[in-house]
Amino acid sequence: MRLVIVQYAGDYAKTFQHLAQGGSETYYAQKYSVDAVTEMAKRPEAESVTVICCMTPEFNDRVLENGVRAIGCGFNYKVDSKKLIELIAEQNPTHLVIRTVIPDIFNFAIENQIRTIAVFAESIATKSWRDKWRNYFLANFLNNKQIEWVGTYGITSSLLFKEIGIKPDLTQPGMSCACLSNGPN
């Protein structure tokens, strides 16, 4: 397994080093999140685990002490989807975890038949015509069988994703993370 985790912001390398030096969390369960990625990298089936962060002050690419490759894209104001996809492709992933709503990444995953899950900590806008147009295409990507699971941070967010047309095969109300599933577990 070559796992790539793509997130919009939050410099994984900087956070890993800060916590490893005894620094405190800047949000609830931050250490748990960092440690979970470390544990994935330790699994025998994990050939590589890479975290790609879009918004970082400058570009950097390094393998950390925990074995995780951390790539900071160095994007400041706008994500360069073409460059981001090049960085993902260089890792030759077999599995993707996408933590941000960037449709081009989902298209890449579908075209390359990469097992993918989406885990969002953000809601989506649904009011304007532009939002509705963008969400139509996003729903088509997320409903593709290649996207095996879609998770959001809460019930309200899950309902918004359902409202734009994401087909919930499985919902789990009452959990801290409401989930929508498209494929096999």
Foldseek 3Di string as FASTA:
>chain_A
DQEEEEDAADQLVVLVVCVVVVHDDPDPCPVVVSVVQLVVCPDPVHPAYEYEYEADCAWDWDQDPSRHIYTYNNDHPDGPLVVVVVVVVVSVAQEYEYADQDLSVLVVCVVVLRQYEYEYADAADDPDPVSLVSLLSSLVSCLDQSHFWYKYQADVRVVRNVVSPNDAPDFDPPDRITIRGRYDD
